[in-house]
């Protein structure tokens, strides 16, 4: 046992030395090599920074009788949800103002830290719209073209007909790495995006169908998009997202998770339904498909930036909100980073739920009404996905029986 422990310590020490070498020598060298490109990127993002006031939060006046009754109804509903295991945060926004914001339970049970305004939680697949927004900003700014094949950016990529657009709308046919990676990778070892790309190149898992012929949700698509961002901008995805997406929008409690560094004090711990900690596993080192942590207030700031076209102009936004898969009947579809219902009670809804470990996330945006529902939970509870229908029916005085919202965090199609 002592020898095994010593070996582990030596391995960790060696890894730490390698990481320090990267930070002190390799990364500054890369930065110098691509300084001009990064400077151009920074110039482009200045147009975003001057619009930061477009994401400032304002709150509904709760002094009116109508507002007090509405809040009372929502409080009553959430009191019931908490009794049934809900632990997390909720924010409801309408026409740019926070209508309802509440925090329930513990972000960190062992340290007795409650959920609060700056609590940041794993977004799971609700990270995908962020990744898509980054790609579309680079497309809009001329740094890449989503119609290009992936091989244009990664020549050794084995699927020659796959385009960036197919990754965005899940029509690539590339199978989800969570279903095959452990055939070639030990479950006990942290995997990175570079590791995943190496596995794809080396083993070339069979496509589920010819690329571009139909839809199939796959986390691999968005892990690859994060890698493409790194290739194009010559920055690690976490750094790019921080400098060019999160900071310009004033998202102070939003970051890309790294399982190998200490956890921030305001980070919500992930729990199973029985309050056992749901630990990291090999895939927690992969980002783009998941891995972004955020707060409900930051997510509403992001929502406001999308309405105000801070990052993406109206034309680009329209491309993102358009459905791309019509092989099956029905109004549900997938755009570029967004799930959608193209005719839900007469209006268009774009959304993205998420589920990873004990974290459940809801992010629903009713475009015409400018109405947004955000729910974050850090104690596994599948009932979170049913909250959207009830909250919408309470606030909009709508018969919830006529609503057909998504009720899962990870639908397969």
Protein backbone atom coordinates (compact mmCIF):
# COMPACT_ATOMS: atom_id res chain seq x y z
CA UNK A 1 0.00 0.00 0.00
CA UNK A 2 2.86 2.39 0.85
CA UNK A 3 4.57 1.71 -2.49
CA UNK A 4 1.31 2.26 -4.38
CA UNK A 5 0.71 5.54 -2.55
CA UNK A 6 4.26 6.69 -3.26
CA UNK A 7 3.80 5.85 -6.95
CA UNK A 8 0.58 7.89 -7.11
CA UNK A 9 2.27 10.84 -5.39
CA UNK A 10 5.20 10.67 -7.83
CA UNK A 11 2.77 10.56 -10.77
CA UNK A 12 0.85 13.57 -9.48
CA UNK A 13 4.11 15.45 -8.84
CA UNK A 14 5.33 14.71 -12.36
CA UNK A 15 1.99 15.88 -13.83
CA UNK A 16 2.20 19.07 -11.80
CA UNK A 17 5.73 19.75 -13.11
CA UNK A 18 4.59 19.21 -16.71
CA UNK A 19 1.66 21.58 -16.18
CA UNK A 20 3.97 24.25 -14.70
CA UNK A 21 6.31 23.91 -17.68
CA UNK A 22 3.32 24.48 -19.97
CA UNK A 23 2.21 27.56 -18.04
CA UNK A 24 5.68 29.10 -17.73
CA UNK A 25 7.27 28.21 -21.05
CA UNK A 26 5.02 26.65 -23.69
CA UNK A 27 1.91 28.79 -23.28
CA UNK A 28 3.78 32.16 -23.36
CA UNK A 29 5.66 30.95 -26.45
CA UNK A 30 2.42 30.04 -28.22
CA UNK A 31 0.94 33.36 -27.21
CA UNK A 32 3.89 35.20 -28.77
CA UNK A 33 3.65 33.15 -31.96
CA UNK A 34 0.00 34.07 -32.42
CA UNK A 35 0.04 37.50 -30.79
CA UNK A 36 -1.14 39.30 -33.92
CA UNK A 37 -4.13 36.97 -34.41
CA UNK A 38 -5.12 37.28 -30.75
CA UNK A 39 -4.78 41.07 -30.95
CA UNK A 40 -7.20 41.11 -33.89
CA UNK A 41 -9.62 38.96 -31.89
CA UNK A 42 -9.38 41.37 -28.97
CA UNK A 43 -10.08 44.31 -31.27
CA UNK A 44 -13.20 42.57 -32.57
CA UNK A 45 -14.48 41.85 -29.07
CA UNK A 46 -14.27 45.52 -28.05
CA UNK A 47 -17.60 46.06 -29.81
CA UNK A 48 -19.04 43.57 -27.36
CA UNK A 49 -17.46 45.12 -24.28
CA UNK A 50 -19.04 48.52 -24.89
CA UNK A 51 -22.45 46.86 -24.83
CA UNK A 52 -22.05 45.35 -21.36
CA UNK A 53 -24.89 47.54 -20.06
CA UNK A 54 -27.16 45.54 -22.38
CA UNK A 55 -26.78 42.61 -19.96
CA UNK A 56 -27.32 44.47 -16.67
CA UNK A 57 -30.12 42.97 -14.58
CA UNK A 58 -33.22 44.91 -13.59
CA UNK A 59 -36.08 43.69 -11.43
CA UNK A 60 -39.84 43.81 -11.67
CA UNK A 61 -41.59 46.15 -9.22
CA UNK A 62 -43.11 43.74 -6.71
CA UNK A 63 -45.22 46.34 -4.88
CA UNK A 64 -48.28 45.83 -7.06
CA UNK A 65 -51.02 43.47 -5.92
CA UNK A 66 -50.72 41.43 -9.11
CA UNK A 67 -46.97 40.94 -8.64
CA UNK A 68 -47.38 39.94 -4.98
CA UNK A 69 -50.04 37.37 -5.86
CA UNK A 70 -47.89 35.94 -8.63
CA UNK A 71 -44.87 35.61 -6.34
CA UNK A 72 -47.06 34.02 -3.67
CA UNK A 73 -48.23 31.41 -6.18
CA UNK A 74 -44.68 30.65 -7.28
CA UNK A 75 -43.48 30.46 -3.67
CA UNK A 76 -46.25 28.00 -2.92
CA UNK A 77 -45.30 25.84 -5.90
CA UNK A 78 -41.62 25.84 -4.97
CA UNK A 79 -42.34 25.04 -1.34
CA UNK A 80 -43.92 21.85 -2.66
CA UNK A 81 -40.96 21.20 -4.97
CA UNK A 82 -38.50 21.56 -2.08
CA UNK A 83 -40.51 19.07 -0.04
CA UNK A 84 -40.15 16.69 -2.99
CA UNK A 85 -36.36 17.02 -3.12
CA UNK A 86 -35.59 20.14 -5.16
CA UNK A 87 -32.29 21.73 -4.15
CA UNK A 88 -31.05 24.63 -6.24
CA UNK A 89 -31.99 27.98 -7.79
CA UNK A 90 -34.67 29.38 -10.05
CA UNK A 91 -34.96 32.65 -11.98
CA UNK A 92 -37.92 33.75 -14.08
CA UNK A 93 -37.44 36.73 -16.37
CA UNK A 94 -39.94 38.69 -18.43
CA UNK A 95 -39.16 41.39 -20.99
CA UNK A 96 -35.72 42.04 -19.56
CA UNK A 97 -36.65 42.12 -15.89
CA UNK A 98 -36.25 39.52 -13.15
CA UNK A 99 -39.74 38.51 -12.14
CA UNK A 100 -38.87 35.78 -9.64
CA UNK A 101 -35.56 34.62 -8.12
CA UNK A 102 -35.16 32.12 -5.30
CA UNK A 103 -32.46 29.89 -3.78
CA UNK A 104 -33.24 26.65 -1.98
CA UNK A 105 -31.08 24.29 0.06
CA UNK A 106 -27.34 23.68 0.16
CA UNK A 107 -24.69 24.29 -2.47
CA UNK A 108 -22.11 22.54 -0.31
CA UNK A 109 -23.61 20.38 2.42
CA UNK A 110 -20.35 19.47 4.17
CA UNK A 111 -19.33 23.14 4.53
CA UNK A 112 -22.91 24.28 5.21
CA UNK A 113 -22.85 26.74 2.29
CA UNK A 114 -26.37 27.54 1.05
CA UNK A 115 -27.37 28.33 -2.51
CA UNK A 116 -27.05 32.08 -3.12
CA UNK A 117 -26.66 34.64 -5.89
CA UNK A 118 -23.05 33.80 -6.71
CA UNK A 119 -23.45 30.01 -6.53
CA UNK A 120 -22.17 28.47 -9.74
CA UNK A 121 -23.39 25.08 -10.91
CA UNK A 122 -22.57 22.56 -13.66
CA UNK A 123 -24.73 23.38 -16.69
CA UNK A 124 -24.26 19.95 -18.28
CA UNK A 125 -25.63 20.05 -21.85
CA UNK A 126 -26.87 23.60 -21.34
CA UNK A 127 -23.18 24.36 -22.04
CA UNK A 128 -23.79 23.50 -25.70
CA UNK A 129 -25.49 26.81 -26.62
CA UNK A 130 -22.44 28.63 -25.24
CA UNK A 131 -20.11 26.56 -27.43
CA UNK A 132 -22.37 27.11 -30.43
CA UNK A 133 -22.47 30.85 -29.77
CA UNK A 134 -18.66 30.96 -29.73
CA UNK A 135 -18.48 29.08 -33.04
CA UNK A 136 -21.12 31.32 -34.60
CA UNK A 137 -19.33 34.46 -33.41
CA UNK A 138 -16.14 33.22 -35.09
CA UNK A 139 -18.18 32.41 -38.22
CA UNK A 140 -19.84 35.81 -38.20
CA UNK A 141 -16.46 37.53 -37.72
CA UNK A 142 -14.83 35.60 -40.57
CA UNK A 143 -12.48 33.39 -38.56
CA UNK A 144 -14.13 30.18 -39.75
CA UNK A 145 -16.95 29.05 -42.00
CA UNK A 146 -19.50 26.57 -40.67
CA UNK A 147 -20.00 25.21 -44.19
CA UNK A 148 -16.36 24.08 -44.27
CA UNK A 149 -15.48 20.47 -43.64
CA UNK A 150 -13.82 19.67 -40.33
CA UNK A 151 -10.81 18.37 -42.28
CA UNK A 152 -10.12 21.96 -43.38
CA UNK A 153 -9.16 22.70 -39.74
CA UNK A 154 -8.08 19.22 -38.62
CA UNK A 155 -6.56 17.48 -41.70
CA UNK A 156 -6.19 14.08 -39.99
CA UNK A 157 -9.90 14.00 -39.02
CA UNK A 158 -11.19 10.66 -40.38
CA UNK A 159 -14.72 11.64 -41.47
CA UNK A 160 -14.15 13.62 -44.63
CA UNK A 161 -17.76 14.65 -45.31
CA UNK A 162 -18.54 16.13 -41.87
CA UNK A 163 -18.91 19.92 -41.77
CA UNK A 164 -18.88 22.25 -38.78
CA UNK A 165 -22.58 22.86 -39.37
CA UNK A 166 -23.27 19.13 -39.03
CA UNK A 167 -21.53 19.14 -35.65
CA UNK A 168 -23.66 22.10 -34.56
CA UNK A 169 -26.99 20.56 -35.57
CA UNK A 170 -26.13 16.95 -34.68
CA UNK A 171 -26.34 15.62 -38.23
CA UNK A 172 -22.75 14.36 -38.42
CA UNK A 173 -23.47 10.71 -37.67
CA UNK A 174 -20.51 10.61 -35.26
CA UNK A 175 -21.39 8.43 -32.30
CA UNK A 176 -21.43 9.69 -28.72
CA UNK A 177 -18.04 9.11 -27.10
CA UNK A 178 -19.75 8.32 -23.79
CA UNK A 179 -20.96 5.09 -25.43
CA UNK A 180 -17.64 3.88 -26.86
CA UNK A 181 -14.61 5.71 -25.42
CA UNK A 182 -14.04 3.34 -22.49
CA UNK A 183 -13.34 0.51 -24.92
CA UNK A 184 -10.03 2.27 -25.52
CA UNK A 185 -9.61 4.41 -22.40
CA UNK A 186 -9.39 3.49 -18.69
CA UNK A 187 -12.31 4.79 -16.63
CA UNK A 188 -9.90 5.86 -13.88
CA UNK A 189 -7.91 8.22 -16.12
CA UNK A 190 -8.91 11.80 -16.89
CA UNK A 191 -9.62 12.34 -20.58
CA UNK A 192 -9.12 15.63 -22.44
CA UNK A 193 -10.43 16.89 -25.76
CA UNK A 194 -7.06 16.16 -27.33
CA UNK A 195 -7.24 12.60 -26.01
CA UNK A 196 -10.70 12.18 -27.51
CA UNK A 197 -9.56 13.47 -30.90
CA UNK A 198 -6.62 11.06 -30.82
CA UNK A 199 -9.00 8.16 -30.14
CA UNK A 200 -11.25 9.20 -33.02
CA UNK A 201 -8.31 9.45 -35.42
CA UNK A 202 -6.78 6.16 -34.27
CA UNK A 203 -9.90 3.99 -34.03
CA UNK A 204 -12.37 5.78 -36.36
CA UNK A 205 -15.59 4.48 -34.78
CA UNK A 206 -18.19 3.71 -37.44
CA UNK A 207 -20.67 6.46 -38.25
CA UNK A 208 -24.24 5.82 -37.12
CA UNK A 209 -25.47 6.92 -40.56
CA UNK A 210 -24.15 8.81 -43.60
CA UNK A 211 -23.25 12.35 -42.54
CA UNK A 212 -25.93 14.94 -43.21
CA UNK A 213 -28.82 12.49 -43.69
CA UNK A 214 -30.54 12.74 -40.31
CA UNK A 215 -30.38 13.91 -36.69
CA UNK A 216 -28.81 12.08 -33.78
CA UNK A 217 -27.78 13.86 -30.59
CA UNK A 218 -24.11 13.23 -29.79
CA UNK A 219 -21.85 14.83 -27.20
CA UNK A 220 -18.87 14.13 -29.45
CA UNK A 221 -20.05 16.84 -31.84
CA UNK A 222 -19.67 19.58 -29.25
CA UNK A 223 -16.40 18.29 -27.83
CA UNK A 224 -15.05 18.54 -31.40
CA UNK A 225 -16.42 22.08 -31.77
CA UNK A 226 -14.41 23.12 -28.70
CA UNK A 227 -11.30 21.61 -30.31
CA UNK A 228 -11.98 23.50 -33.55
CA UNK A 229 -12.21 26.75 -31.57
CA UNK A 230 -8.78 26.02 -30.10
CA UNK A 231 -7.30 25.30 -33.54
CA UNK A 232 -8.73 28.50 -35.05
CA UNK A 233 -7.93 30.98 -32.26
CA UNK A 234 -4.75 29.34 -30.88
CA UNK A 235 -6.09 29.56 -27.34
CA UNK A 236 -7.39 26.87 -24.99
CA UNK A 237 -11.18 26.74 -25.08
CA UNK A 238 -11.51 27.76 -21.38
CA UNK A 239 -9.33 30.84 -21.95
CA UNK A 240 -11.15 31.84 -25.12
CA UNK A 241 -14.57 31.47 -23.50
CA UNK A 242 -13.47 33.52 -20.50
CA UNK A 243 -11.85 36.35 -22.45
CA UNK A 244 -14.16 36.59 -25.46
CA UNK A 245 -17.56 35.38 -24.20
CA UNK A 246 -17.94 35.42 -20.42
CA UNK A 247 -16.04 38.57 -19.44
CA UNK A 248 -17.42 40.85 -22.20
CA UNK A 249 -20.95 39.87 -21.13
CA UNK A 250 -20.22 40.49 -17.45
CA UNK A 251 -20.68 36.85 -16.46
CA UNK A 252 -18.70 36.96 -13.23
CA UNK A 253 -19.63 33.49 -11.97
CA UNK A 254 -19.25 31.55 -15.22
CA UNK A 255 -16.23 29.43 -16.14
CA UNK A 256 -15.13 26.18 -17.80
CA UNK A 257 -14.52 23.43 -15.28
CA UNK A 258 -11.12 21.77 -14.89
CA UNK A 259 -11.18 18.68 -12.65
CA UNK A 260 -7.42 18.93 -12.06
CA UNK A 261 -7.43 22.30 -10.27
CA UNK A 262 -8.95 23.33 -6.90
CA UNK A 263 -12.68 23.98 -6.94
CA UNK A 264 -13.92 27.57 -6.40
CA UNK A 265 -15.53 28.19 -3.01
CA UNK A 266 -18.83 29.21 -4.62
CA UNK A 267 -19.16 26.06 -6.74
CA UNK A 268 -22.16 23.84 -6.03
CA UNK A 269 -21.17 20.26 -5.23
CA UNK A 270 -22.91 17.58 -7.29
CA UNK A 271 -25.03 15.17 -5.23
CA UNK A 272 -26.95 12.03 -5.95
CA UNK A 273 -30.60 11.93 -4.84
CA UNK A 274 -29.54 10.36 -1.52
CA UNK A 275 -27.08 13.25 -0.83
CA UNK A 276 -23.99 11.20 -1.62
CA UNK A 277 -21.42 13.20 -3.58
CA UNK A 278 -21.50 12.29 -7.27
CA UNK A 279 -17.76 12.28 -8.06
CA UNK A 280 -15.90 13.26 -11.22
CA UNK A 281 -15.14 10.55 -13.76
CA UNK A 282 -12.94 10.21 -16.86
CA UNK A 283 -15.16 12.42 -19.07
CA UNK A 284 -15.15 15.45 -16.75
CA UNK A 285 -11.95 16.64 -18.42
CA UNK A 286 -13.78 17.06 -21.74
CA UNK A 287 -15.49 20.37 -22.45
CA UNK A 288 -17.65 21.93 -25.14
CA UNK A 289 -20.47 19.42 -24.69
CA UNK A 290 -20.71 20.21 -20.96
CA UNK A 291 -18.34 21.57 -18.31
CA UNK A 292 -19.46 25.20 -18.10
CA UNK A 293 -20.48 26.32 -14.61
CA UNK A 294 -22.73 29.34 -14.16
CA UNK A 295 -25.32 31.01 -11.93
CA UNK A 296 -28.97 31.79 -12.67
CA UNK A 297 -28.21 35.52 -12.77
CA UNK A 298 -25.34 35.03 -15.22
CA UNK A 299 -27.58 32.90 -17.42
CA UNK A 300 -30.19 35.64 -17.49
CA UNK A 301 -27.49 38.18 -18.41
CA UNK A 302 -26.60 35.86 -21.27
CA UNK A 303 -30.28 35.64 -22.23
CA UNK A 304 -30.41 39.44 -22.39
CA UNK A 305 -27.29 39.54 -24.57
CA UNK A 306 -28.96 37.20 -27.05
CA UNK A 307 -32.05 39.40 -27.29
CA UNK A 308 -29.88 42.51 -27.62
CA UNK A 309 -27.60 40.97 -30.27
CA UNK A 310 -24.48 41.74 -28.23
CA UNK A 311 -22.43 38.86 -29.65
CA UNK A 312 -24.49 37.62 -32.58
CA UNK A 313 -26.25 39.87 -35.06
CA UNK A 314 -29.91 39.22 -36.03
CA UNK A 315 -28.97 37.32 -39.20
CA UNK A 316 -26.67 34.93 -37.33
CA UNK A 317 -29.20 34.51 -34.52
CA UNK A 318 -31.86 33.56 -37.06
CA UNK A 319 -29.58 30.84 -38.44
CA UNK A 320 -29.15 29.43 -34.92
CA UNK A 321 -32.88 29.38 -34.19
CA UNK A 322 -33.78 27.60 -37.42
CA UNK A 323 -34.58 23.87 -37.43
CA UNK A 324 -32.40 21.58 -39.56
CA UNK A 325 -33.96 18.13 -39.21
CA UNK A 326 -37.37 17.34 -40.69
CA UNK A 327 -37.12 13.59 -41.29
CA UNK A 328 -39.59 13.00 -38.48
CA UNK A 329 -43.00 14.63 -38.03
CA UNK A 330 -43.58 17.08 -35.19
CA UNK A 331 -42.70 20.61 -34.17
CA UNK A 332 -39.59 19.82 -32.13
CA UNK A 333 -36.27 20.34 -33.83
CA UNK A 334 -32.62 21.24 -33.26
CA UNK A 335 -30.94 24.37 -34.56
CA UNK A 336 -27.32 25.41 -34.08
CA UNK A 337 -26.82 24.80 -30.38
CA UNK A 338 -30.48 25.04 -29.43
CA UNK A 339 -33.35 22.64 -29.11
CA UNK A 340 -36.62 24.20 -30.17
CA UNK A 341 -40.32 23.82 -30.53
CA UNK A 342 -41.23 25.67 -33.68
CA UNK A 343 -44.94 25.83 -32.95
CA UNK A 344 -45.62 25.57 -29.23
CA UNK A 345 -48.99 27.17 -28.59
CA UNK A 346 -48.49 29.47 -31.56
CA UNK A 347 -44.98 30.68 -30.77
CA UNK A 348 -41.36 29.63 -31.14
CA UNK A 349 -39.47 28.37 -28.11
CA UNK A 350 -35.71 27.74 -27.97
CA UNK A 351 -34.24 25.88 -25.02
CA UNK A 352 -31.62 23.47 -23.79
CA UNK A 353 -31.92 21.27 -20.73
CA UNK A 354 -29.00 19.39 -19.24
CA UNK A 355 -28.06 16.50 -16.97
CA UNK A 356 -24.59 15.50 -15.77
CA UNK A 357 -23.92 13.65 -12.52
CA UNK A 358 -26.33 15.07 -9.93
CA UNK A 359 -26.80 18.35 -11.81
CA UNK A 360 -30.06 19.08 -13.63
CA UNK A 361 -30.48 22.26 -15.64
CA UNK A 362 -33.36 24.01 -17.41
CA UNK A 363 -33.01 26.98 -19.76
CA UNK A 364 -36.24 27.82 -21.62
CA UNK A 365 -36.70 30.94 -23.76
CA UNK A 366 -40.10 31.93 -25.19
CA UNK A 367 -38.90 34.25 -27.93
CA UNK A 368 -42.02 36.26 -28.84
CA UNK A 369 -43.00 36.82 -25.21
CA UNK A 370 -39.42 37.54 -24.11
CA UNK A 371 -40.05 35.15 -21.24
CA UNK A 372 -37.30 33.00 -19.72
CA UNK A 373 -37.23 30.19 -17.15
CA UNK A 374 -33.90 29.13 -15.63
CA UNK A 375 -33.54 26.31 -13.10
CA UNK A 376 -30.31 24.87 -11.69
CA UNK A 377 -30.16 21.90 -9.34
CA UNK A 378 -27.21 20.11 -7.73
CA UNK A 379 -29.07 17.20 -6.13
CA UNK A 380 -30.30 14.78 -8.77
CA UNK A 381 -34.02 15.27 -9.32
CA UNK A 382 -35.62 14.48 -12.67
CA UNK A 383 -38.76 16.39 -11.61
CA UNK A 384 -36.87 19.62 -12.28
CA UNK A 385 -37.70 19.28 -15.97
CA UNK A 386 -41.42 19.33 -15.16
CA UNK A 387 -41.13 22.70 -13.42
CA UNK A 388 -41.11 24.61 -16.70
CA UNK A 389 -44.70 23.76 -17.54
CA UNK A 390 -45.98 24.70 -14.09
CA UNK A 391 -44.04 27.98 -13.87
CA UNK A 392 -45.18 29.00 -17.34
CA UNK A 393 -48.81 28.21 -16.55
CA UNK A 394 -48.68 30.21 -13.28
CA UNK A 395 -47.03 33.30 -14.74
CA UNK A 396 -48.83 33.34 -18.07
CA UNK A 397 -52.18 32.16 -16.65
CA UNK A 398 -52.17 29.28 -19.09
CA UNK A 399 -53.73 25.82 -18.96
CA UNK A 400 -50.72 23.59 -18.41
CA UNK A 401 -52.53 20.59 -19.93
CA UNK A 402 -52.12 22.23 -23.34
CA UNK A 403 -48.33 22.52 -22.95
CA UNK A 404 -45.92 19.85 -24.20
CA UNK A 405 -42.53 20.82 -22.81
CA UNK A 406 -39.38 18.71 -22.73
CA UNK A 407 -39.37 16.62 -19.54
CA UNK A 408 -35.87 15.17 -19.61
CA UNK A 409 -32.35 16.52 -19.35
CA UNK A 410 -30.77 14.26 -21.94
CA UNK A 411 -33.19 13.17 -24.68
CA UNK A 412 -31.61 10.82 -27.22
CA UNK A 413 -33.35 12.41 -30.21
